């Protein structure tokens, strides 16, 4: 399970440290999506000349994860380290904010651009139990 370490971190009361990046790089949100029953995807990669491999259970696109910033900003501790914006937020807070957003709108955080090739497989997703 690729997100297993984050699951353990949540159980231990751990935190995510974002150093100069936004929530689009916060993999914890994928764990929340998985817990909500969002489908994981298949990705394909060329592993050798003429050889393609299928990789099942890959999380979807994350370019709308910064939509959670308003909900997570009050829960984060933020400092500047030179030009770097550093934020520390509890994994449980990320999971809860994602859960609330997706339960309020099952299309939350999904790409709405039908021309986006990376997100084409995200259309039609539903919560396992809404």
Protein backbone atom coordinates (compact mmCIF):
# COMPACT_ATOMS: atom_id res chain seq x y z
CA UNK A 1 0.00 0.00 0.00
CA UNK A 2 1.83 3.13 -1.22
CA UNK A 3 0.09 5.41 1.29
CA UNK A 4 0.62 3.06 4.24
CA UNK A 5 3.33 5.16 5.92
CA UNK A 6 1.00 8.18 5.96
CA UNK A 7 -1.72 6.03 7.48
CA UNK A 8 0.67 5.09 10.30
CA UNK A 9 1.73 8.73 10.68
CA UNK A 10 -1.92 9.70 11.13
CA UNK A 11 -2.36 7.01 13.79
CA UNK A 12 0.72 8.31 15.62
CA UNK A 13 -0.48 11.93 15.60
CA UNK A 14 2.20 13.00 13.10
CA UNK A 15 2.53 16.14 11.05
CA UNK A 16 3.23 17.16 7.46
CA UNK A 17 5.97 19.73 6.89
CA UNK A 18 5.60 21.74 3.69
CA UNK A 19 8.86 23.50 2.82
CA UNK A 20 8.32 26.04 0.06
CA UNK A 21 5.53 24.02 -1.53
CA UNK A 22 1.76 24.06 -1.45
CA UNK A 23 -0.80 21.37 -0.83
CA UNK A 24 -0.53 20.21 -4.45
CA UNK A 25 2.51 18.29 -3.12
CA UNK A 26 0.76 17.11 0.06
CA UNK A 27 0.35 13.38 -0.51
CA UNK A 28 -1.68 13.09 2.69
CA UNK A 29 -4.69 14.34 0.73
CA UNK A 30 -4.48 11.23 -1.47
CA UNK A 31 -4.79 9.13 1.69
CA UNK A 32 -7.96 11.01 2.58
CA UNK A 33 -9.33 10.40 -0.91
CA UNK A 34 -8.56 6.71 -0.61
CA UNK A 35 -10.29 6.52 2.78
CA UNK A 36 -13.33 8.18 1.23
CA UNK A 37 -13.52 5.48 -1.40
CA UNK A 38 -12.35 7.47 -4.38
CA UNK A 39 -11.11 5.19 -7.10
CA UNK A 40 -7.40 4.83 -7.51
CA UNK A 41 -6.13 4.86 -11.06
CA UNK A 42 -3.93 2.89 -13.39
CA UNK A 43 -0.88 4.55 -14.83
CA UNK A 44 1.39 3.20 -17.53
CA UNK A 45 5.11 3.70 -17.96
CA UNK A 46 7.69 2.59 -20.45
CA UNK A 47 10.16 0.45 -18.50
CA UNK A 48 12.40 -0.59 -21.40
CA UNK A 49 12.43 -0.13 -25.17
CA UNK A 50 9.08 -1.47 -26.35
CA UNK A 51 8.06 -2.59 -22.85
CA UNK A 52 5.18 -0.93 -21.03
CA UNK A 53 4.16 -1.68 -17.45
CA UNK A 54 0.82 -1.12 -15.77
CA UNK A 55 0.88 0.41 -12.29
CA UNK A 56 -2.43 -0.09 -10.45
CA UNK A 57 -3.65 1.79 -7.38
CA UNK A 58 -1.98 5.10 -8.17
CA UNK A 59 -3.46 8.25 -6.70
CA UNK A 60 -5.02 10.81 -9.02
CA UNK A 61 -4.00 14.33 -9.92
CA UNK A 62 -3.36 16.89 -7.18
CA UNK A 63 -3.39 20.26 -8.92
CA UNK A 64 -6.57 21.36 -7.07
CA UNK A 65 -5.36 20.37 -3.60
CA UNK A 66 -4.54 24.01 -2.81
CA UNK A 67 -8.32 24.51 -2.66
CA UNK A 68 -7.95 23.21 0.92
CA UNK A 69 -5.68 26.09 1.93
CA UNK A 70 -8.47 28.20 3.52
CA UNK A 71 -9.49 25.27 5.75
CA UNK A 72 -5.92 24.28 6.65
CA UNK A 73 -4.26 27.69 7.11
CA UNK A 74 -5.75 28.28 10.58
CA UNK A 75 -4.54 24.84 11.69
CA UNK A 76 -0.98 25.26 10.40
CA UNK A 77 2.06 26.69 12.11
CA UNK A 78 3.91 28.86 9.63
CA UNK A 79 7.39 30.42 9.67
CA UNK A 80 9.76 31.86 7.10
CA UNK A 81 13.19 30.34 6.66
CA UNK A 82 14.89 32.83 4.39
CA UNK A 83 12.72 32.91 1.28
CA UNK A 84 11.09 29.59 2.16
CA UNK A 85 7.54 29.45 3.50
CA UNK A 86 7.52 26.55 5.97
CA UNK A 87 4.22 25.15 7.24
CA UNK A 88 3.56 22.39 9.73
CA UNK A 89 0.08 20.84 9.86
CA UNK A 90 -1.20 17.73 11.61
CA UNK A 91 -1.94 14.79 9.34
CA UNK A 92 -5.29 14.37 11.09
CA UNK A 93 -6.22 17.97 10.26
CA UNK A 94 -5.43 17.37 6.58
CA UNK A 95 -7.51 14.19 6.58
CA UNK A 96 -10.44 15.89 8.32
CA UNK A 97 -10.39 18.95 6.02
CA UNK A 98 -10.32 16.74 2.95
CA UNK A 99 -13.10 14.56 4.32
CA UNK A 100 -15.33 17.59 4.99
CA UNK A 101 -14.67 19.10 1.55
CA UNK A 102 -15.35 15.91 -0.40
CA UNK A 103 -18.42 14.95 1.60
CA UNK A 104 -19.83 18.45 1.02
CA UNK A 105 -19.09 18.18 -2.72
CA UNK A 106 -18.05 14.79 -4.16
CA UNK A 107 -16.34 16.60 -7.07
CA UNK A 108 -14.19 18.70 -4.72
CA UNK A 109 -10.50 18.62 -5.56
CA UNK A 110 -11.13 16.89 -8.90
CA UNK A 111 -10.07 18.57 -12.11
CA UNK A 112 -12.97 20.17 -13.94
CA UNK A 113 -11.10 20.59 -17.22
CA UNK A 114 -12.31 17.95 -19.71
CA UNK A 115 -9.26 18.70 -21.88
CA UNK A 116 -6.86 17.73 -19.10
CA UNK A 117 -5.43 14.38 -20.23
CA UNK A 118 -3.97 13.59 -16.81
CA UNK A 119 -7.40 13.90 -15.21
CA UNK A 120 -9.59 12.26 -17.82
CA UNK A 121 -9.83 9.10 -15.71
CA UNK A 122 -11.08 11.11 -12.71
CA UNK A 123 -14.44 11.85 -14.29
CA UNK A 124 -17.33 9.83 -13.00
CA UNK A 125 -15.77 9.14 -9.57
CA UNK A 126 -18.16 8.75 -6.68
CA UNK A 127 -17.78 8.29 -2.97
CA UNK A 128 -18.08 4.68 -1.86
CA UNK A 129 -20.52 5.79 0.83
CA UNK A 130 -21.89 9.28 0.56
